[in-house]
N, C-alpha and C. Protein backbone atom coordinates (compact mmCIF):
# COMPACT_ATOMS: atom_id res chain seq x y z
N MET A 1 -66.90 -55.92 -29.94
CA MET A 1 -68.19 -56.32 -30.62
C MET A 1 -69.32 -55.27 -31.37
N THR A 2 -69.21 -54.28 -30.41
CA THR A 2 -70.39 -53.35 -30.70
C THR A 2 -69.42 -51.71 -30.58
N ARG A 3 -70.08 -50.91 -31.60
CA ARG A 3 -69.63 -49.57 -31.68
C ARG A 3 -70.83 -48.37 -31.62
N GLN A 4 -70.85 -47.45 -30.81
CA GLN A 4 -71.80 -46.88 -30.48
C GLN A 4 -72.01 -45.56 -30.66
N SER A 5 -72.88 -45.19 -31.21
CA SER A 5 -73.08 -43.74 -31.98
C SER A 5 -74.38 -43.15 -31.44
N HIS A 6 -74.61 -41.64 -32.08
CA HIS A 6 -75.84 -41.32 -31.93
C HIS A 6 -76.17 -40.49 -32.94
N THR A 7 -77.95 -40.71 -33.47
CA THR A 7 -78.21 -39.76 -34.13
C THR A 7 -78.33 -38.47 -34.20
N GLU A 8 -78.77 -37.79 -35.16
CA GLU A 8 -78.89 -36.18 -35.14
C GLU A 8 -80.36 -35.88 -34.19
N LYS A 9 -81.15 -36.85 -34.34
CA LYS A 9 -82.62 -36.73 -33.71
C LYS A 9 -82.37 -37.30 -32.19
N GLY A 10 -81.63 -37.89 -31.63
CA GLY A 10 -81.15 -38.24 -30.41
C GLY A 10 -81.44 -39.44 -29.89
N ALA A 11 -81.01 -40.48 -31.29
CA ALA A 11 -81.21 -41.87 -31.03
C ALA A 11 -79.94 -42.63 -30.14
N LYS A 12 -80.04 -43.48 -29.75
CA LYS A 12 -78.41 -44.24 -29.81
C LYS A 12 -78.38 -45.07 -30.95
N VAL A 13 -77.22 -45.56 -31.20
CA VAL A 13 -77.16 -46.82 -32.56
C VAL A 13 -75.99 -47.30 -31.75
N SER A 14 -76.40 -48.87 -31.67
CA SER A 14 -75.22 -49.94 -31.33
C SER A 14 -74.94 -50.74 -32.65
N GLU A 15 -74.11 -50.71 -33.15
CA GLU A 15 -73.84 -51.57 -34.77
C GLU A 15 -73.04 -52.92 -33.83
N ILE A 16 -73.66 -53.64 -34.18
CA ILE A 16 -73.30 -55.09 -33.62
C ILE A 16 -72.21 -55.97 -34.95
N ASP A 17 -71.05 -55.75 -34.39
CA ASP A 17 -69.68 -56.38 -35.44
C ASP A 17 -69.28 -57.96 -35.25
N SER A 18 -70.09 -58.73 -34.72
CA SER A 18 -69.84 -60.08 -34.70
C SER A 18 -71.16 -60.81 -34.65
N PRO A 19 -70.70 -62.15 -34.87
CA PRO A 19 -72.06 -63.06 -34.91
C PRO A 19 -72.52 -63.04 -33.58
N LEU A 20 -74.11 -63.10 -33.77
CA LEU A 20 -74.95 -63.25 -32.35
C LEU A 20 -75.23 -64.89 -31.93
N PHE A 21 -74.64 -65.54 -31.34
CA PHE A 21 -75.05 -66.80 -30.82
C PHE A 21 -74.85 -67.30 -29.36
N PHE A 22 -75.55 -68.32 -29.19
CA PHE A 22 -75.30 -68.37 -27.46
C PHE A 22 -74.14 -67.96 -26.97
N GLY A 23 -73.26 -68.36 -27.24
CA GLY A 23 -71.69 -68.01 -26.65
C GLY A 23 -71.64 -66.49 -26.40
N SER A 24 -72.28 -65.71 -27.05
CA SER A 24 -72.20 -64.23 -27.08
C SER A 24 -73.23 -63.37 -26.62
N THR A 25 -74.53 -64.17 -26.34
CA THR A 25 -75.67 -63.14 -25.78
C THR A 25 -75.13 -62.68 -24.47
N ASP A 26 -74.59 -62.86 -23.44
CA ASP A 26 -74.51 -62.56 -22.28
C ASP A 26 -73.72 -60.97 -22.76
N GLY A 27 -72.64 -60.98 -23.53
CA GLY A 27 -72.01 -59.82 -23.87
C GLY A 27 -72.80 -59.02 -24.89
N PHE A 28 -73.63 -59.50 -25.21
CA PHE A 28 -74.62 -58.65 -26.46
C PHE A 28 -75.39 -57.91 -25.12
N ALA A 29 -75.94 -58.59 -24.44
CA ALA A 29 -76.84 -57.83 -23.25
C ALA A 29 -76.24 -56.56 -22.59
N GLU A 30 -74.81 -56.91 -22.47
CA GLU A 30 -74.27 -56.14 -21.55
C GLU A 30 -73.88 -55.03 -21.80
N VAL A 31 -73.61 -54.48 -23.29
CA VAL A 31 -73.35 -53.74 -24.25
C VAL A 31 -74.88 -52.18 -23.85
N PHE A 32 -75.87 -52.91 -23.28
CA PHE A 32 -77.10 -51.83 -23.24
C PHE A 32 -77.26 -51.71 -21.94
N THR A 33 -77.18 -50.06 -21.58
CA THR A 33 -77.70 -49.51 -20.08
C THR A 33 -78.74 -48.70 -20.29
N LEU A 34 -79.26 -50.04 -20.11
CA LEU A 34 -80.91 -49.72 -20.48
C LEU A 34 -81.32 -48.32 -19.59
N GLU A 35 -81.30 -48.25 -18.24
CA GLU A 35 -81.68 -47.10 -17.71
C GLU A 35 -81.29 -45.64 -18.39
N ASP A 36 -80.13 -45.94 -18.97
CA ASP A 36 -79.07 -44.54 -19.32
C ASP A 36 -79.08 -44.27 -20.50
N ASP A 37 -79.84 -45.34 -21.21
CA ASP A 37 -80.08 -44.99 -22.75
C ASP A 37 -81.06 -44.05 -23.11
N PHE A 38 -81.01 -43.57 -24.46
CA PHE A 38 -81.78 -42.58 -25.02
C PHE A 38 -83.42 -43.01 -24.85
N ALA A 39 -84.04 -42.67 -25.46
CA ALA A 39 -85.60 -43.16 -25.37
C ALA A 39 -85.73 -43.79 -26.68
N VAL A 40 -84.96 -43.60 -27.60
CA VAL A 40 -85.03 -44.24 -28.64
C VAL A 40 -83.59 -45.07 -28.92
N VAL A 41 -83.43 -46.55 -29.37
CA VAL A 41 -82.54 -47.09 -29.53
C VAL A 41 -82.34 -47.87 -30.78
N ILE A 42 -81.33 -47.86 -31.28
CA ILE A 42 -81.52 -48.72 -32.46
C ILE A 42 -80.32 -49.68 -32.50
N ILE A 43 -80.43 -51.21 -32.79
CA ILE A 43 -79.49 -52.16 -33.21
C ILE A 43 -79.27 -52.20 -34.49
N ASP A 44 -78.25 -52.16 -35.11
CA ASP A 44 -77.84 -52.13 -36.45
C ASP A 44 -77.22 -53.64 -36.66
N PHE A 45 -77.69 -54.25 -37.43
CA PHE A 45 -76.99 -55.56 -37.62
C PHE A 45 -76.08 -55.89 -38.97
N LEU A 46 -75.83 -54.86 -39.79
CA LEU A 46 -75.42 -54.78 -40.87
C LEU A 46 -74.06 -55.75 -40.74
N ARG A 47 -73.25 -55.53 -40.02
CA ARG A 47 -72.11 -56.12 -39.77
C ARG A 47 -71.83 -57.47 -38.75
N SER A 48 -73.05 -58.37 -38.92
CA SER A 48 -73.49 -59.31 -37.80
C SER A 48 -74.35 -60.13 -38.53
N ARG A 49 -74.54 -61.13 -38.01
CA ARG A 49 -75.72 -62.01 -38.18
C ARG A 49 -75.97 -63.06 -37.19
N ILE A 50 -77.51 -63.52 -37.10
CA ILE A 50 -77.66 -64.47 -35.89
C ILE A 50 -77.43 -65.39 -36.24
N VAL A 51 -77.12 -66.39 -35.33
CA VAL A 51 -76.60 -67.83 -35.55
C VAL A 51 -77.88 -68.98 -35.00
N ASP A 52 -77.94 -68.51 -34.33
CA ASP A 52 -78.92 -69.48 -33.57
C ASP A 52 -80.61 -68.87 -32.40
N GLN A 53 -81.12 -69.81 -31.89
CA GLN A 53 -82.35 -69.74 -31.31
C GLN A 53 -81.78 -68.47 -30.10
N SER A 54 -80.88 -68.87 -29.37
CA SER A 54 -80.51 -68.37 -27.94
C SER A 54 -80.15 -66.40 -28.73
N ALA A 55 -79.70 -66.48 -29.92
CA ALA A 55 -79.73 -65.07 -30.15
C ALA A 55 -81.07 -63.95 -30.23
N LEU A 56 -81.76 -65.01 -31.06
CA LEU A 56 -83.39 -64.38 -31.14
C LEU A 56 -83.94 -64.24 -29.65
N GLN A 57 -83.51 -65.08 -28.85
CA GLN A 57 -84.12 -64.65 -27.56
C GLN A 57 -83.69 -63.54 -27.01
N ALA A 58 -82.01 -63.09 -27.15
CA ALA A 58 -81.65 -62.19 -26.39
C ALA A 58 -81.98 -61.04 -27.00
N ILE A 59 -82.44 -60.96 -28.07
CA ILE A 59 -83.01 -59.44 -28.88
C ILE A 59 -84.31 -59.69 -28.35
N GLU A 60 -85.09 -60.63 -28.08
CA GLU A 60 -86.29 -60.40 -27.65
C GLU A 60 -86.48 -59.96 -26.10
N ASP A 61 -85.41 -60.30 -25.37
CA ASP A 61 -85.42 -59.83 -24.10
C ASP A 61 -85.10 -58.46 -23.99
N ILE A 62 -84.16 -58.21 -24.63
CA ILE A 62 -83.79 -56.76 -24.65
C ILE A 62 -84.74 -55.66 -24.63
N ALA A 63 -85.37 -56.10 -26.00
CA ALA A 63 -86.70 -55.22 -26.70
C ALA A 63 -87.90 -55.60 -25.16
N ALA A 64 -87.78 -56.30 -24.60
CA ALA A 64 -88.87 -56.35 -23.51
C ALA A 64 -88.33 -55.62 -22.22
N LYS A 65 -87.33 -55.50 -22.03
CA LYS A 65 -86.80 -54.63 -20.94
C LYS A 65 -86.51 -53.24 -21.45
N TYR A 66 -86.53 -52.55 -22.80
CA TYR A 66 -86.69 -51.48 -23.17
C TYR A 66 -88.31 -51.07 -23.06
N GLU A 67 -89.05 -51.77 -23.73
CA GLU A 67 -90.43 -51.96 -23.28
C GLU A 67 -90.97 -51.34 -21.77
N ALA A 68 -90.29 -51.96 -20.97
CA ALA A 68 -90.54 -52.18 -19.48
C ALA A 68 -90.37 -50.65 -18.91
N LEU A 69 -89.16 -50.10 -19.65
CA LEU A 69 -88.83 -48.47 -19.68
C LEU A 69 -89.42 -47.70 -20.08
N ASP A 70 -90.42 -48.02 -20.70
CA ASP A 70 -90.93 -47.26 -21.85
C ASP A 70 -90.09 -46.44 -23.22
N LYS A 71 -89.29 -47.25 -23.20
CA LYS A 71 -88.18 -46.95 -24.34
C LYS A 71 -88.72 -47.48 -25.71
N ILE A 72 -88.16 -47.21 -26.54
CA ILE A 72 -88.39 -47.53 -28.00
C ILE A 72 -87.18 -48.13 -28.80
N LEU A 73 -87.56 -49.51 -28.75
CA LEU A 73 -85.89 -50.30 -29.79
C LEU A 73 -86.45 -50.34 -31.18
N HIS A 74 -85.47 -49.91 -31.99
CA HIS A 74 -85.52 -50.44 -33.25
C HIS A 74 -84.26 -51.38 -33.79
N LEU A 75 -84.87 -52.16 -34.70
CA LEU A 75 -84.11 -52.98 -35.40
C LEU A 75 -83.17 -52.66 -36.66
N ARG A 76 -82.10 -52.83 -37.31
CA ARG A 76 -81.72 -52.13 -38.80
C ARG A 76 -80.87 -53.54 -39.09
N HIS A 77 -81.21 -53.59 -40.48
CA HIS A 77 -80.39 -54.43 -41.17
C HIS A 77 -80.22 -55.85 -40.65
N LEU A 78 -81.86 -56.30 -40.37
CA LEU A 78 -82.12 -58.13 -40.12
C LEU A 78 -82.21 -58.23 -41.52
N THR A 79 -82.07 -59.29 -41.62
CA THR A 79 -82.29 -60.43 -42.75
C THR A 79 -83.74 -60.79 -42.60
N PRO A 80 -84.72 -60.63 -43.80
CA PRO A 80 -85.73 -61.12 -43.60
C PRO A 80 -86.47 -62.76 -43.34
N ASP A 81 -85.17 -63.59 -43.27
CA ASP A 81 -85.58 -64.85 -42.42
C ASP A 81 -85.46 -64.56 -40.79
N TYR A 82 -84.74 -63.90 -40.46
CA TYR A 82 -85.13 -63.39 -38.74
C TYR A 82 -85.56 -62.40 -38.54
N HIS A 83 -86.12 -61.68 -39.58
CA HIS A 83 -87.55 -61.00 -39.37
C HIS A 83 -88.41 -61.48 -39.21
N LYS A 84 -88.87 -62.85 -39.82
CA LYS A 84 -89.84 -63.70 -39.67
C LYS A 84 -89.77 -64.49 -38.18
N LEU A 85 -88.63 -64.69 -37.46
CA LEU A 85 -88.71 -65.66 -36.59
C LEU A 85 -88.42 -64.83 -35.24
N LEU A 86 -88.27 -63.50 -35.52
CA LEU A 86 -88.54 -62.48 -34.07
C LEU A 86 -90.28 -62.50 -34.19
N LYS A 87 -90.53 -62.44 -32.75
CA LYS A 87 -91.84 -62.16 -32.40
C LYS A 87 -92.50 -60.92 -32.68
N ARG A 88 -91.61 -59.95 -32.35
CA ARG A 88 -92.00 -58.39 -32.60
C ARG A 88 -91.28 -58.00 -33.25
N ALA A 89 -90.75 -58.44 -34.50
CA ALA A 89 -89.96 -57.98 -35.39
C ALA A 89 -90.65 -56.79 -36.20
N GLY A 90 -92.24 -57.10 -36.34
CA GLY A 90 -92.84 -55.94 -37.11
C GLY A 90 -92.79 -54.91 -36.65
N GLN A 91 -92.82 -54.79 -35.01
CA GLN A 91 -92.64 -53.62 -34.76
C GLN A 91 -91.33 -52.85 -34.34
N LEU A 92 -90.24 -53.56 -34.55
CA LEU A 92 -89.12 -53.23 -34.18
C LEU A 92 -88.21 -52.68 -35.34
N MET A 93 -88.63 -53.56 -36.78
CA MET A 93 -87.70 -52.85 -37.85
C MET A 93 -87.84 -51.50 -38.42
N ILE A 94 -86.91 -51.22 -39.05
CA ILE A 94 -86.98 -49.88 -39.43
C ILE A 94 -86.11 -50.04 -40.77
N ASP A 95 -86.78 -49.26 -41.89
CA ASP A 95 -86.12 -49.61 -43.35
C ASP A 95 -84.78 -48.40 -43.24
N SER A 96 -84.17 -49.17 -43.82
CA SER A 96 -82.62 -48.21 -43.85
C SER A 96 -82.21 -47.87 -45.35
N GLY A 97 -83.03 -48.64 -46.32
CA GLY A 97 -82.63 -48.18 -47.67
C GLY A 97 -81.61 -48.69 -48.08
N ASP A 98 -80.60 -49.17 -47.24
CA ASP A 98 -79.29 -49.80 -47.74
C ASP A 98 -79.13 -51.48 -47.39
N ASP A 99 -80.39 -51.85 -46.60
CA ASP A 99 -80.49 -53.45 -45.87
C ASP A 99 -79.80 -54.43 -47.45
N PRO A 100 -78.75 -54.68 -47.63
CA PRO A 100 -78.51 -55.68 -48.53
C PRO A 100 -79.47 -56.92 -48.56
N GLY A 101 -80.06 -57.51 -47.72
CA GLY A 101 -80.71 -58.67 -47.85
C GLY A 101 -82.39 -58.38 -47.72
N ILE A 102 -82.74 -57.12 -47.83
CA ILE A 102 -84.26 -57.16 -48.16
C ILE A 102 -84.45 -56.66 -49.76
N SER A 103 -85.31 -57.43 -50.27
CA SER A 103 -85.47 -56.91 -51.51
C SER A 103 -87.54 -56.54 -51.87
N ASP A 104 -87.97 -57.05 -51.18
CA ASP A 104 -89.42 -56.75 -51.23
C ASP A 104 -89.78 -55.36 -50.94
N GLY A 105 -88.96 -54.59 -50.52
CA GLY A 105 -89.14 -52.90 -50.34
C GLY A 105 -90.27 -52.65 -49.41
N GLY A 106 -91.32 -53.03 -49.64
CA GLY A 106 -92.80 -52.38 -48.91
C GLY A 106 -92.84 -53.33 -47.56
N GLY A 107 -92.15 -54.00 -47.35
CA GLY A 107 -92.74 -55.18 -46.06
C GLY A 107 -91.74 -54.79 -44.97
N PHE A 108 -90.85 -53.50 -44.72
CA PHE A 108 -90.00 -53.27 -43.85
C PHE A 108 -89.77 -51.89 -43.47
N ARG A 109 -90.77 -51.00 -43.90
CA ARG A 109 -90.85 -49.72 -43.39
C ARG A 109 -90.63 -49.40 -42.12
N ARG A 110 -90.07 -47.81 -41.61
CA ARG A 110 -90.48 -47.93 -40.14
C ARG A 110 -91.77 -48.05 -39.59
N GLN A 111 -91.36 -48.65 -38.59
CA GLN A 111 -92.83 -48.74 -37.54
C GLN A 111 -92.81 -47.64 -36.24
N ASN A 112 -93.76 -47.09 -35.95
CA ASN A 112 -93.37 -45.88 -35.10
C ASN A 112 -94.21 -46.37 -33.88
N ARG A 113 -94.94 -47.62 -34.04
CA ARG A 113 -95.39 -48.27 -32.75
C ARG A 113 -94.61 -48.24 -31.60
N ARG A 114 -94.95 -48.41 -30.40
CA ARG A 114 -94.37 -48.68 -29.12
C ARG A 114 -94.61 -50.15 -29.01
N LEU A 115 -93.83 -50.80 -28.51
CA LEU A 115 -94.00 -52.35 -27.94
C LEU A 115 -95.48 -52.39 -27.07
N ARG A 116 -96.13 -53.51 -27.32
CA ARG A 116 -97.41 -53.67 -26.22
C ARG A 116 -97.24 -55.34 -26.03
N ALA A 117 -97.56 -55.72 -24.66
CA ALA A 117 -97.53 -56.85 -24.15
C ALA A 117 -98.44 -57.69 -25.10
N GLY A 118 -98.05 -58.95 -25.48
CA GLY A 118 -98.74 -59.88 -25.91
C GLY A 118 -98.22 -59.51 -27.59
N HIS A 119 -97.68 -59.15 -28.24
CA HIS A 119 -97.10 -58.92 -29.63
C HIS A 119 -95.82 -59.47 -29.80
């Protein structure tokens, strides 16, 4: 379901390889070792898609858990439709330059802010 690697700058990258939906959200959550993960974590959805509201909630839940640990979570290759549906996506998205579903260019630049409650 997931391949993991690290960037040169010390971020953990989790590449999701299958659709994320209500039946896979438990497995999705188990991929992340919150306390042991690097200070910056990137979830890459290039080979995945979000199927339902349960998947969106699973992403929000993971984001809240990383925030509680004062860690930064970024999302990569998330389609514009799902970007709009995620409450925190504006703070989580990073521009990877090869997003196949993103055409407006300017709206998906890297956000360097940490998540804050109420966003």
